[in-house]
C-alpha cells in the first residue's frame, strides 16, 4: 500500500494541483493531509474542495483554527492579515468542512498504527524540528508511524520505537527548495520518501497579489523560505 502524505498547502492551488497530477501517476492507494489547508495563499475554497476529494485522513492545523475563530493574536502581521482575509473568503461549504476536522487522526496502514497531528503530539501549534526528535515521540503517541507537519521542513527519521516523518509543505516550503513537498509511505518497504514537484510559482505569486494579500507571502514562494 502506498500512502501519500500532504501538509501545509496554505491555499496554494497551483502547487496542490501539481501534486495531485503527480499522485495520479504514482499508484497511490490513499491520501492523508496533516493540516493547514488554508492560510497565506489565494485559493482557500478551491483547496478545501480539492483536499476533500483527495484525502481520506485529515487533521486541522493552526491556520484552520485561526480562520474559523479569527484568533490571530499569536500570529505575525503577515499571517494575521492573511488569516483575516481567509476567514472572510471562506464559503459556507469550506467552513463546514474545516469545522469537522479534528486535532488528531489515527488509522492503520497494513497493520501498522499511524497517528497524525499538525504540530506535535496533542498540539496544532508546537513546532517539532528534526534535531528535536527522540525515541520518546512515537511511544508518547502510542503508534508505529507518527506524522507531523507545521514546520514546512521535511524529514524522515526511524527509531526503535517507530517512524517519525514530516512531509514538508505543499504550498509554502521553507527548506530552501521552492518545489512543492510531500511524502509517500510504502508499506511493503516500510519506508517514506520525500517527493518534490515543480509548479507554476509565478501563477501562485500573481494570485496572492491580486487578492491584496501581503507581498511577502507571494515573494517567498520563489525562494522556498
Protein backbone atom coordinates (compact mmCIF):
# COMPACT_ATOMS: atom_id res chain seq x y z
CA UNK A 1 0.00 0.00 0.00
CA UNK A 2 1.20 3.49 -0.84
CA UNK A 3 0.04 6.41 1.32
CA UNK A 4 0.60 9.97 0.13
CA UNK A 5 1.07 12.50 2.94
CA UNK A 6 0.36 16.18 2.30
CA UNK A 7 0.56 19.15 4.66
CA UNK A 8 0.77 22.92 4.79
CA UNK A 9 -0.97 23.52 1.47
CA UNK A 10 -1.80 27.06 2.54
CA UNK A 11 -4.36 27.87 -0.14
CA UNK A 12 -1.77 27.39 -2.91
CA UNK A 13 -3.97 25.84 -5.60
CA UNK A 14 -1.21 25.87 -8.21
CA UNK A 15 1.02 23.71 -6.01
CA UNK A 16 -1.81 21.41 -4.91
CA UNK A 17 -2.87 20.71 -8.49
CA UNK A 18 0.71 19.84 -9.42
CA UNK A 19 0.90 17.41 -6.51
CA UNK A 20 -2.46 15.89 -7.44
CA UNK A 21 -1.29 15.35 -11.00
CA UNK A 22 1.91 13.69 -9.75
CA UNK A 23 -0.05 11.40 -7.44
CA UNK A 24 -2.26 10.26 -10.29
CA UNK A 25 0.84 8.76 -11.92
CA UNK A 26 2.27 7.26 -8.73
CA UNK A 27 -0.18 4.42 -7.93
CA UNK A 28 -1.26 5.95 -4.63
CA UNK A 29 -3.82 3.99 -2.59
CA UNK A 30 -4.72 6.63 0.00
CA UNK A 31 -4.01 10.25 0.90
CA UNK A 32 -3.56 11.87 4.32
CA UNK A 33 -3.43 15.60 4.98
CA UNK A 34 -1.74 16.89 8.14
CA UNK A 35 -3.39 20.30 8.29
CA UNK A 36 -3.03 23.92 7.22
CA UNK A 37 -5.04 23.53 4.06
CA UNK A 38 -5.73 27.27 4.20
CA UNK A 39 -3.86 30.44 5.17
CA UNK A 40 -1.32 32.64 3.34
CA UNK A 41 -2.48 31.87 -0.22
CA UNK A 42 -5.17 33.00 -2.62
CA UNK A 43 -7.45 29.99 -3.09
CA UNK A 44 -8.76 28.62 0.22
CA UNK A 45 -12.11 27.40 -1.10
CA UNK A 46 -10.65 25.65 -4.13
CA UNK A 47 -8.04 23.95 -1.97
CA UNK A 48 -10.65 22.82 0.55
CA UNK A 49 -12.74 21.31 -2.24
CA UNK A 50 -9.78 19.50 -3.77
CA UNK A 51 -8.44 18.16 -0.47
CA UNK A 52 -11.94 16.97 0.40
CA UNK A 53 -11.90 14.93 -2.83
CA UNK A 54 -8.36 13.63 -2.39
CA UNK A 55 -7.79 12.89 1.29
CA UNK A 56 -9.16 10.07 3.39
CA UNK A 57 -7.41 11.04 6.64
CA UNK A 58 -7.23 14.66 7.83
CA UNK A 59 -6.48 16.86 10.82
CA UNK A 60 -6.84 20.60 11.36
CA UNK A 61 -3.87 22.93 11.60
CA UNK A 62 -3.37 26.21 13.40
CA UNK A 63 -4.43 28.15 10.29
CA UNK A 64 -7.74 26.30 10.13
CA UNK A 65 -8.33 27.19 13.76
CA UNK A 66 -7.41 30.83 13.16
CA UNK A 67 -9.64 31.14 10.11
CA UNK A 68 -12.60 29.69 11.98
CA UNK A 69 -12.15 31.58 15.26
CA UNK A 70 -10.45 34.76 13.97
CA UNK A 71 -7.99 34.44 16.86
CA UNK A 72 -4.69 35.64 15.39
CA UNK A 73 -3.04 37.12 18.47
CA UNK A 74 -0.15 34.61 18.23
CA UNK A 75 0.49 35.29 14.51
CA UNK A 76 2.92 37.68 12.86
CA UNK A 77 1.30 40.61 10.99
CA UNK A 78 1.56 38.98 7.54
CA UNK A 79 -0.02 35.74 8.74
CA UNK A 80 -2.70 37.60 10.72
CA UNK A 81 -3.71 39.68 7.71
CA UNK A 82 -3.89 36.58 5.51
CA UNK A 83 -5.88 34.73 8.15
CA UNK A 84 -8.45 37.52 8.43
CA UNK A 85 -8.76 37.60 4.63
CA UNK A 86 -9.14 33.81 4.56
CA UNK A 87 -11.83 33.88 7.22
CA UNK A 88 -13.82 36.39 5.20
CA UNK A 89 -13.27 34.43 1.97
CA UNK A 90 -14.34 31.01 3.24
CA UNK A 91 -17.55 29.72 1.68
CA UNK A 92 -20.17 28.02 3.87
CA UNK A 93 -19.11 24.64 2.43
CA UNK A 94 -15.45 25.27 3.20
CA UNK A 95 -16.24 26.50 6.70
CA UNK A 96 -18.32 23.39 7.40
CA UNK A 97 -15.59 21.13 6.01
CA UNK A 98 -12.88 22.71 8.14
CA UNK A 99 -15.03 22.75 11.26
CA UNK A 100 -15.38 18.97 11.09
CA UNK A 101 -11.63 18.36 11.23
CA UNK A 102 -10.10 17.15 14.49
CA UNK A 103 -6.77 17.55 16.27
CA UNK A 104 -5.58 14.02 15.53
CA UNK A 105 -6.24 11.19 13.13
CA UNK A 106 -5.48 7.55 13.87
CA UNK A 107 -5.64 4.77 11.31
CA UNK A 108 -3.75 1.72 10.12
CA UNK A 109 -1.65 1.00 7.07
CA UNK A 110 -1.23 -2.74 6.61
CA UNK A 111 -1.49 -3.40 10.38
CA UNK A 112 0.90 -0.56 11.27
CA UNK A 113 -0.63 2.04 13.54
CA UNK A 114 -0.47 5.63 12.28
CA UNK A 115 -1.05 8.80 14.32
CA UNK A 116 -1.17 12.18 12.62
CA UNK A 117 -1.05 15.65 14.16
CA UNK A 118 -0.33 19.06 12.67
CA UNK A 119 2.24 20.31 15.20
CA UNK A 120 3.27 17.77 17.79
CA UNK A 121 1.54 15.04 19.73
CA UNK A 122 -1.66 16.60 21.01
CA UNK A 123 -0.89 20.06 19.58
CA UNK A 124 -1.51 22.05 16.42
CA UNK A 125 0.90 24.88 17.33
CA UNK A 126 4.02 23.23 18.80
CA UNK A 127 6.91 23.03 16.35
CA UNK A 128 8.99 19.85 16.16
CA UNK A 129 12.19 20.12 14.10
CA UNK A 130 14.36 17.18 13.14
CA UNK A 131 17.02 17.97 15.73
CA UNK A 132 14.36 17.79 18.44
CA UNK A 133 13.25 14.26 17.62
CA UNK A 134 13.67 11.36 20.03
CA UNK A 135 12.51 7.80 20.55
CA UNK A 136 10.03 9.13 23.09
CA UNK A 137 7.79 10.73 20.46
CA UNK A 138 6.37 7.56 18.82
CA UNK A 139 5.98 5.99 22.27
CA UNK A 140 4.21 9.08 23.55
CA UNK A 141 1.82 8.90 20.60
CA UNK A 142 1.33 5.14 21.01
CA UNK A 143 1.95 4.49 17.33
CA UNK A 144 4.25 2.83 14.81
CA UNK A 145 4.22 5.80 12.40
CA UNK A 146 3.96 9.38 13.60
CA UNK A 147 3.12 12.10 11.05
CA UNK A 148 3.81 15.73 11.96
CA UNK A 149 3.83 18.96 9.93
CA UNK A 150 3.78 22.71 10.75
CA UNK A 151 7.50 23.46 10.24
CA UNK A 152 7.32 23.33 6.41
CA UNK A 153 10.63 21.41 6.53
CA UNK A 154 10.58 17.71 5.57
CA UNK A 155 12.29 14.87 7.42
CA UNK A 156 12.04 11.11 7.85
CA UNK A 157 13.60 9.50 10.92
CA UNK A 158 13.44 5.93 12.14
CA UNK A 159 13.75 4.99 15.79
CA UNK A 160 13.41 1.64 17.52
CA UNK A 161 10.06 2.89 18.76
CA UNK A 162 8.76 3.88 15.33
CA UNK A 163 8.96 6.06 12.23
CA UNK A 164 8.57 9.85 12.55
CA UNK A 165 8.09 11.98 9.47
CA UNK A 166 7.19 15.43 8.26
CA UNK A 167 6.24 15.66 4.56
CA UNK A 168 7.24 19.31 4.27
CA UNK A 169 4.95 21.88 2.70
CA UNK A 170 2.95 21.60 -0.49
CA UNK A 171 2.22 25.31 -0.73
CA UNK A 172 4.96 27.18 1.12
CA UNK A 173 8.22 25.21 1.54
CA UNK A 174 10.79 26.65 3.94
CA UNK A 175 13.81 24.43 3.37
CA UNK A 176 15.28 26.47 0.53
CA UNK A 177 13.64 24.39 -2.21
CA UNK A 178 10.63 26.16 -3.79
CA UNK A 179 9.15 22.97 -5.23
CA UNK A 180 6.05 21.50 -3.58
CA UNK A 181 6.98 18.88 -0.99
CA UNK A 182 5.06 15.81 0.15
CA UNK A 183 5.68 12.26 1.37
CA UNK A 184 4.87 8.79 0.07
CA UNK A 185 4.88 5.92 2.57
CA UNK A 186 5.28 2.42 1.10
CA UNK A 187 4.03 -0.32 3.42
CA UNK A 188 5.91 -3.04 1.52
CA UNK A 189 9.22 -1.29 2.20
CA UNK A 190 8.08 0.26 5.49
CA UNK A 191 9.71 3.48 4.31
CA UNK A 192 8.78 7.03 3.35
CA UNK A 193 10.23 9.06 0.51
CA UNK A 194 10.01 12.84 0.28
CA UNK A 195 8.99 13.89 -3.21
CA UNK A 196 9.31 17.32 -4.83
CA UNK A 197 7.20 18.66 -7.69
CA UNK A 198 7.64 21.83 -9.71
CA UNK A 199 4.58 24.03 -10.09
CA UNK A 200 3.59 27.41 -11.51
CA UNK A 201 5.12 29.62 -8.82
CA UNK A 202 4.55 32.71 -10.96
CA UNK A 203 0.84 31.92 -11.12
CA UNK A 204 0.64 31.46 -7.35
CA UNK A 205 2.56 34.71 -6.88
CA UNK A 206 0.19 36.66 -9.12
CA UNK A 207 -2.87 35.14 -7.43
CA UNK A 208 -1.70 36.26 -3.99
CA UNK A 209 -1.01 39.81 -5.16
CA UNK A 210 -4.35 40.01 -6.96
CA UNK A 211 -6.17 39.31 -3.68
CA UNK A 212 -4.40 42.15 -1.89
CA UNK A 213 -2.52 39.78 0.41
CA UNK A 214 0.95 40.77 1.69
CA UNK A 215 3.66 40.90 -0.98
CA UNK A 216 5.99 38.95 1.31
CA UNK A 217 3.76 35.89 1.16
CA UNK A 218 3.99 35.90 -2.62
CA UNK A 219 7.70 36.69 -2.93
CA UNK A 220 8.87 33.97 -0.55
CA UNK A 221 7.43 31.27 -2.82
CA UNK A 222 10.29 31.81 -5.28
CA UNK A 223 12.90 31.07 -2.62
CA UNK A 224 11.34 28.28 -0.58
CA UNK A 225 11.78 30.29 2.60
